[in-house]
Amino acid sequence: MAKLLYAFSCSVDGFIAGPGGDMSWLTPHLGPDPVVDELIPDIGALLVGRRTFQGDDPHRGTEAEGKAFGGGWDGPQFVLTHRPAPATPGVTFVGDLTEAVDAAKAAAGDKYVNVLGADVGRQCLEAGLLDEILALPVPVLLGDGVRMFDHPGGTTITLEPLRPNWYRVAGPRLV
């Protein structure tokens, strides 16, 4: 059965996007990555937040713009949103987290559902649905922007190391 994986690139200080969702900070650091290259064939579907889906693209201005993993992956995408969206080939817009996760898992089969977007990652953690986290640190400090995980008031979630930068969500689960 599919597992939910929150995989992301982040600055060393924990930001996945700069202020206002700016992703241009990542552009100079794109390129071959053995961890990503190994992961891509194991992704069966994407679960994406609406802001991430329609947001800034580090591949802007290139052939890879608008394509998952810069064109390195193709498959079903499920966008979690409460706002109506225009039809997009290969993309299903879903208004409920549980329905989105169930549909993405069904589409992924025995592969990963890769979660994209900080808010969707947080929602999956809060609902006890997230199985694993893969953090891909990039050698840059942003100082501000969208944190990879933000829980006002703080909380502690125990992660069990599986491989370098790859963790199983061990608990406690957020409620």
C-alpha atoms as a PDB file:
ATOM      1  CA  MET A   1       0.000   0.000   0.000  1.00  0.00           C
ATOM      2  CA  ALA A   2       1.167   3.518  -0.746  1.00  0.00           C
ATOM      3  CA  LYS A   3       2.874   5.612   1.918  1.00  0.00           C
ATOM      4  CA  LEU A   4       2.697   9.390   2.301  1.00  0.00           C
ATOM      5  CA  LEU A   5       6.132  10.982   1.998  1.00  0.00           C
ATOM      6  CA  TYR A   6       6.732  14.683   2.620  1.00  0.00           C
ATOM      7  CA  ALA A   7       9.870  15.209   0.513  1.00  0.00           C
ATOM      8  CA  PHE A   8      11.249  18.695   0.010  1.00  0.00           C
ATOM      9  CA  SER A   9      14.314  20.802  -0.602  1.00  0.00           C
ATOM     10  CA  CYS A  10      14.943  23.356   2.112  1.00  0.00           C
ATOM     11  CA  SER A  11      17.460  25.953   3.131  1.00  0.00           C
ATOM     12  CA  VAL A  12      19.700  24.948   6.016  1.00  0.00           C
ATOM     13  CA  ASP A  13      17.584  27.223   8.238  1.00  0.00           C
ATOM     14  CA  GLY A  14      14.419  25.268   7.378  1.00  0.00           C
ATOM     15  CA  PHE A  15      12.627  27.257   4.663  1.00  0.00           C
ATOM     16  CA  ILE A  16      11.157  25.554   1.585  1.00  0.00           C
ATOM     17  CA  ALA A  17      10.291  28.867  -0.069  1.00  0.00           C
ATOM     18  CA  GLY A  18      11.378  32.444   0.385  1.00  0.00           C
ATOM     19  CA  PRO A  19       9.088  35.330   1.351  1.00  0.00           C
ATOM     20  CA  GLY A  20       5.824  35.273  -0.595  1.00  0.00           C
ATOM     21  CA  GLY A  21       6.504  31.720  -1.812  1.00  0.00           C
ATOM     22  CA  ASP A  22       9.534  32.758  -3.898  1.00  0.00           C
ATOM     23  CA  MET A  23      11.327  29.681  -5.237  1.00  0.00           C
ATOM     24  CA  SER A  24      14.046  31.471  -7.214  1.00  0.00           C
ATOM     25  CA  TRP A  25      16.528  30.796  -4.373  1.00  0.00           C
ATOM     26  CA  LEU A  26      16.501  27.129  -5.411  1.00  0.00           C
ATOM     27  CA  THR A  27      17.267  27.666  -9.122  1.00  0.00           C
ATOM     28  CA  PRO A  28      21.092  27.815  -8.812  1.00  0.00           C
ATOM     29  CA  HIS A  29      21.034  24.576  -6.806  1.00  0.00           C
ATOM     30  CA  LEU A  30      19.008  22.480  -9.250  1.00  0.00           C
ATOM     31  CA  GLY A  31      20.777  19.672 -10.984  1.00  0.00           C
ATOM     32  CA  PRO A  32      21.477  15.994 -10.682  1.00  0.00           C
ATOM     33  CA  ASP A  33      20.863  14.638  -7.197  1.00  0.00           C
ATOM     34  CA  PRO A  34      21.355  10.909  -6.549  1.00  0.00           C
ATOM     35  CA  VAL A  35      18.748  10.870  -3.750  1.00  0.00           C
ATOM     36  CA  VAL A  36      16.091  12.509  -5.946  1.00  0.00           C
ATOM     37  CA  ASP A  37      17.056  10.338  -8.923  1.00  0.00           C
ATOM     38  CA  GLU A  38      16.561   7.239  -6.752  1.00  0.00           C
ATOM     39  CA  LEU A  39      13.247   8.523  -5.344  1.00  0.00           C
ATOM     40  CA  ILE A  40      11.497   9.553  -8.580  1.00  0.00           C
ATOM     41  CA  PRO A  41      10.762   6.007  -9.864  1.00  0.00           C
ATOM     42  CA  ASP A  42       9.224   5.192  -6.460  1.00  0.00           C
ATOM     43  CA  ILE A  43       6.660   8.043  -6.651  1.00  0.00           C
ATOM     44  CA  GLY A  44       3.235   6.936  -7.834  1.00  0.00           C
ATOM     45  CA  ALA A  45       1.278  10.156  -7.257  1.00  0.00           C
ATOM     46  CA  LEU A  46       1.618  13.699  -5.942  1.00  0.00           C
ATOM     47  CA  LEU A  47      -0.519  15.349  -3.263  1.00  0.00           C
ATOM     48  CA  VAL A  48      -0.035  19.071  -3.754  1.00  0.00           C
ATOM     49  CA  GLY A  49      -1.298  22.195  -2.034  1.00  0.00           C
ATOM     50  CA  ARG A  50      -3.033  24.780  -4.209  1.00  0.00           C
ATOM     51  CA  ARG A  51      -0.464  27.503  -3.467  1.00  0.00           C
ATOM     52  CA  THR A  52       2.340  25.131  -4.414  1.00  0.00           C
ATOM     53  CA  PHE A  53       0.510  23.987  -7.557  1.00  0.00           C
ATOM     54  CA  GLN A  54      -0.036  27.547  -8.763  1.00  0.00           C
ATOM     55  CA  GLY A  55       3.021  29.060  -7.121  1.00  0.00           C
ATOM     56  CA  ASP A  56       6.471  30.133  -8.147  1.00  0.00           C
ATOM     57  CA  ASP A  57       8.528  27.606 -10.114  1.00  0.00           C
ATOM     58  CA  PRO A  58      12.326  27.317  -9.712  1.00  0.00           C
ATOM     59  CA  HIS A  59      12.369  26.166 -13.358  1.00  0.00           C
ATOM     60  CA  ARG A  60      10.689  29.409 -14.539  1.00  0.00           C
ATOM     61  CA  GLY A  61      11.765  30.415 -18.003  1.00  0.00           C
ATOM     62  CA  THR A  62      12.996  26.940 -18.994  1.00  0.00           C
ATOM     63  CA  GLU A  63      11.491  23.932 -20.793  1.00  0.00           C
ATOM     64  CA  ALA A  64      10.983  22.340 -17.369  1.00  0.00           C
ATOM     65  CA  GLU A  65       8.653  25.086 -16.088  1.00  0.00           C
ATOM     66  CA  GLY A  66       5.393  23.728 -14.709  1.00  0.00           C
ATOM     67  CA  LYS A  67       6.553  20.106 -14.769  1.00  0.00           C
ATOM     68  CA  ALA A  68       6.934  17.964 -11.656  1.00  0.00           C
ATOM     69  CA  PHE A  69      10.586  17.526 -10.724  1.00  0.00           C
ATOM     70  CA  GLY A  70      11.492  19.691 -13.702  1.00  0.00           C
ATOM     71  CA  GLY A  71      10.008  17.123 -16.067  1.00  0.00           C
ATOM     72  CA  GLY A  72      11.691  14.158 -14.400  1.00  0.00           C
ATOM     73  CA  TRP A  73       8.370  12.702 -13.214  1.00  0.00           C
ATOM     74  CA  ASP A  74       4.975  12.292 -14.796  1.00  0.00           C
ATOM     75  CA  GLY A  75       1.844  10.863 -13.230  1.00  0.00           C
ATOM     76  CA  PRO A  76      -1.370  11.642 -11.380  1.00  0.00           C
ATOM     77  CA  GLN A  77      -1.502  14.767  -9.248  1.00  0.00           C
ATOM     78  CA  PHE A  78      -4.098  15.555  -6.606  1.00  0.00           C
ATOM     79  CA  VAL A  79      -4.388  19.199  -5.561  1.00  0.00           C
ATOM     80  CA  LEU A  80      -5.947  19.916  -2.181  1.00  0.00           C
ATOM     81  CA  THR A  81      -8.043  23.065  -2.524  1.00  0.00           C
ATOM     82  CA  HIS A  82     -11.361  24.594  -1.513  1.00  0.00           C
ATOM     83  CA  ARG A  83     -11.337  27.000  -4.471  1.00  0.00           C
ATOM     84  CA  PRO A  84     -12.699  25.995  -7.869  1.00  0.00           C
ATOM     85  CA  ALA A  85      -9.957  25.413 -10.414  1.00  0.00           C
ATOM     86  CA  PRO A  86      -9.845  25.114 -14.190  1.00  0.00           C
ATOM     87  CA  ALA A  87      -9.536  21.588 -15.570  1.00  0.00           C
ATOM     88  CA  THR A  88      -5.912  20.544 -15.966  1.00  0.00           C
ATOM     89  CA  PRO A  89      -4.902  17.258 -17.667  1.00  0.00           C
ATOM     90  CA  GLY A  90      -3.567  14.712 -15.166  1.00  0.00           C
ATOM     91  CA  VAL A  91      -4.645  16.825 -12.200  1.00  0.00           C
ATOM     92  CA  THR A  92      -7.580  16.161  -9.877  1.00  0.00           C
ATOM     93  CA  PHE A  93      -8.736  18.943  -7.564  1.00  0.00           C
ATOM     94  CA  VAL A  94     -10.074  17.684  -4.221  1.00  0.00           C
ATOM     95  CA  GLY A  95     -11.592  19.714  -1.372  1.00  0.00           C
ATOM     96  CA  ASP A  96     -11.189  17.217   1.487  1.00  0.00           C
ATOM     97  CA  LEU A  97      -7.849  16.017   2.895  1.00  0.00           C
ATOM     98  CA  THR A  98      -8.955  12.445   3.579  1.00  0.00           C
ATOM     99  CA  GLU A  99     -10.520  12.099   0.127  1.00  0.00           C
ATOM    100  CA  ALA A 100      -7.394  13.552  -1.495  1.00  0.00           C
ATOM    101  CA  VAL A 101      -5.101  11.176   0.415  1.00  0.00           C
ATOM    102  CA  ASP A 102      -7.295   8.152  -0.364  1.00  0.00           C
ATOM    103  CA  ALA A 103      -7.441   9.008  -4.073  1.00  0.00           C
ATOM    104  CA  ALA A 104      -3.687   9.677  -4.273  1.00  0.00           C
ATOM    105  CA  LYS A 105      -2.885   6.414  -2.455  1.00  0.00           C
ATOM    106  CA  ALA A 106      -5.175   4.452  -4.777  1.00  0.00           C
ATOM    107  CA  ALA A 107      -3.456   6.018  -7.793  1.00  0.00           C
ATOM    108  CA  ALA A 108       0.038   5.413  -6.359  1.00  0.00           C
ATOM    109  CA  GLY A 109      -0.485   1.681  -5.802  1.00  0.00           C
ATOM    110  CA  ASP A 110       2.496   0.377  -3.835  1.00  0.00           C
ATOM    111  CA  LYS A 111       4.604   3.495  -4.484  1.00  0.00           C
ATOM    112  CA  TYR A 112       4.896   6.752  -2.556  1.00  0.00           C
ATOM    113  CA  VAL A 113       2.459   9.632  -2.578  1.00  0.00           C
ATOM    114  CA  ASN A 114       4.825  12.588  -2.507  1.00  0.00           C
ATOM    115  CA  VAL A 115       3.396  15.502  -0.528  1.00  0.00           C
ATOM    116  CA  LEU A 116       4.328  18.951  -1.886  1.00  0.00           C
ATOM    117  CA  GLY A 117       3.617  22.090   0.097  1.00  0.00           C
ATOM    118  CA  ALA A 118       4.181  23.067   3.717  1.00  0.00           C
ATOM    119  CA  ASP A 119       0.507  23.490   4.564  1.00  0.00           C
ATOM    120  CA  VAL A 120      -0.472  20.096   3.137  1.00  0.00           C
ATOM    121  CA  GLY A 121       2.498  18.497   4.922  1.00  0.00           C
ATOM    122  CA  ARG A 122       1.328  20.032   8.210  1.00  0.00           C
ATOM    123  CA  GLN A 123      -2.266  18.948   7.612  1.00  0.00           C
ATOM    124  CA  CYS A 124      -1.126  15.383   6.947  1.00  0.00           C
ATOM    125  CA  LEU A 125       0.924  15.404  10.169  1.00  0.00           C
ATOM    126  CA  GLU A 126      -1.994  16.805  12.174  1.00  0.00           C
ATOM    127  CA  ALA A 127      -4.320  14.129  10.768  1.00  0.00           C
ATOM    128  CA  GLY A 128      -1.837  11.335  11.547  1.00  0.00           C
ATOM    129  CA  LEU A 129      -1.550  10.450   7.858  1.00  0.00           C
ATOM    130  CA  LEU A 130       2.095  11.231   7.104  1.00  0.00           C
ATOM    131  CA  ASP A 131       4.397   8.199   7.118  1.00  0.00           C
ATOM    132  CA  GLU A 132       7.834   9.539   6.198  1.00  0.00           C
ATOM    133  CA  ILE A 133       9.804  12.752   5.716  1.00  0.00           C
ATOM    134  CA  LEU A 134      12.750  13.333   3.385  1.00  0.00           C
ATOM    135  CA  ALA A 135      14.575  16.620   3.931  1.00  0.00           C
ATOM    136  CA  LEU A 136      16.994  17.666   1.198  1.00  0.00           C
ATOM    137  CA  PRO A 137      19.013  20.539   2.679  1.00  0.00           C
ATOM    138  CA  VAL A 138      20.457  23.091   0.286  1.00  0.00           C
ATOM    139  CA  PRO A 139      23.582  25.052   1.328  1.00  0.00           C
ATOM    140  CA  VAL A 140      21.915  28.438   1.711  1.00  0.00           C
ATOM    141  CA  LEU A 141      20.357  30.470   4.535  1.00  0.00           C
ATOM    142  CA  LEU A 142      17.155  32.346   3.645  1.00  0.00           C
ATOM    143  CA  GLY A 143      16.297  33.911   6.999  1.00  0.00           C
ATOM    144  CA  ASP A 144      12.597  34.243   6.123  1.00  0.00           C
ATOM    145  CA  GLY A 145       9.906  32.598   4.067  1.00  0.00           C
ATOM    146  CA  VAL A 146       7.764  29.478   4.221  1.00  0.00           C
ATOM    147  CA  ARG A 147       8.995  27.035   6.854  1.00  0.00           C
ATOM    148  CA  MET A 148       8.953  23.341   6.022  1.00  0.00           C
ATOM    149  CA  PHE A 149       6.902  22.807   9.193  1.00  0.00           C
ATOM    150  CA  ASP A 150       5.211  25.474  11.262  1.00  0.00           C
ATOM    151  CA  HIS A 151       3.009  24.733  14.262  1.00  0.00           C
ATOM    152  CA  PRO A 152       2.184  27.899  16.241  1.00  0.00           C
ATOM    153  CA  GLY A 153       2.710  27.297  19.935  1.00  0.00           C
ATOM    154  CA  GLY A 154       5.207  24.588  19.105  1.00  0.00           C
ATOM    155  CA  THR A 155       5.056  20.832  19.311  1.00  0.00           C
ATOM    156  CA  THR A 156       7.453  17.911  19.283  1.00  0.00           C
ATOM    157  CA  ILE A 157       7.142  15.138  16.746  1.00  0.00           C
ATOM    158  CA  THR A 158       9.563  12.260  17.064  1.00  0.00           C
ATOM    159  CA  LEU A 159      11.210  11.105  13.863  1.00  0.00           C
ATOM    160  CA  GLU A 160      13.009   7.783  13.486  1.00  0.00           C
ATOM    161  CA  PRO A 161      16.010   7.894  11.122  1.00  0.00           C
ATOM    162  CA  LEU A 162      15.734   5.480   8.191  1.00  0.00           C
ATOM    163  CA  ARG A 163      18.596   6.803   6.027  1.00  0.00           C
ATOM    164  CA  PRO A 164      20.474  10.099   5.914  1.00  0.00           C
ATOM    165  CA  ASN A 165      17.876  12.913   5.875  1.00  0.00           C
ATOM    166  CA  TRP A 166      15.042  10.342   5.636  1.00  0.00           C
ATOM    167  CA  TYR A 167      12.777   9.706   8.616  1.00  0.00           C
ATOM    168  CA  ARG A 168       9.735   7.730   9.685  1.00  0.00           C
ATOM    169  CA  VAL A 169       7.159   9.740  11.631  1.00  0.00           C
ATOM    170  CA  ALA A 170       7.267   7.958  14.989  1.00  0.00           C
ATOM    171  CA  GLY A 171       5.067  10.200  17.120  1.00  0.00           C
ATOM    172  CA  PRO A 172       3.383  11.525  18.892  1.00  0.00           C
ATOM    173  CA  ARG A 173       0.927  12.330  16.149  1.00  0.00           C
ATOM    174  CA  LEU A 174      -0.613  15.781  16.239  1.00  0.00           C
ATOM    175  CA  VAL A 175      -4.303  16.058  17.069  1.00  0.00           C
END
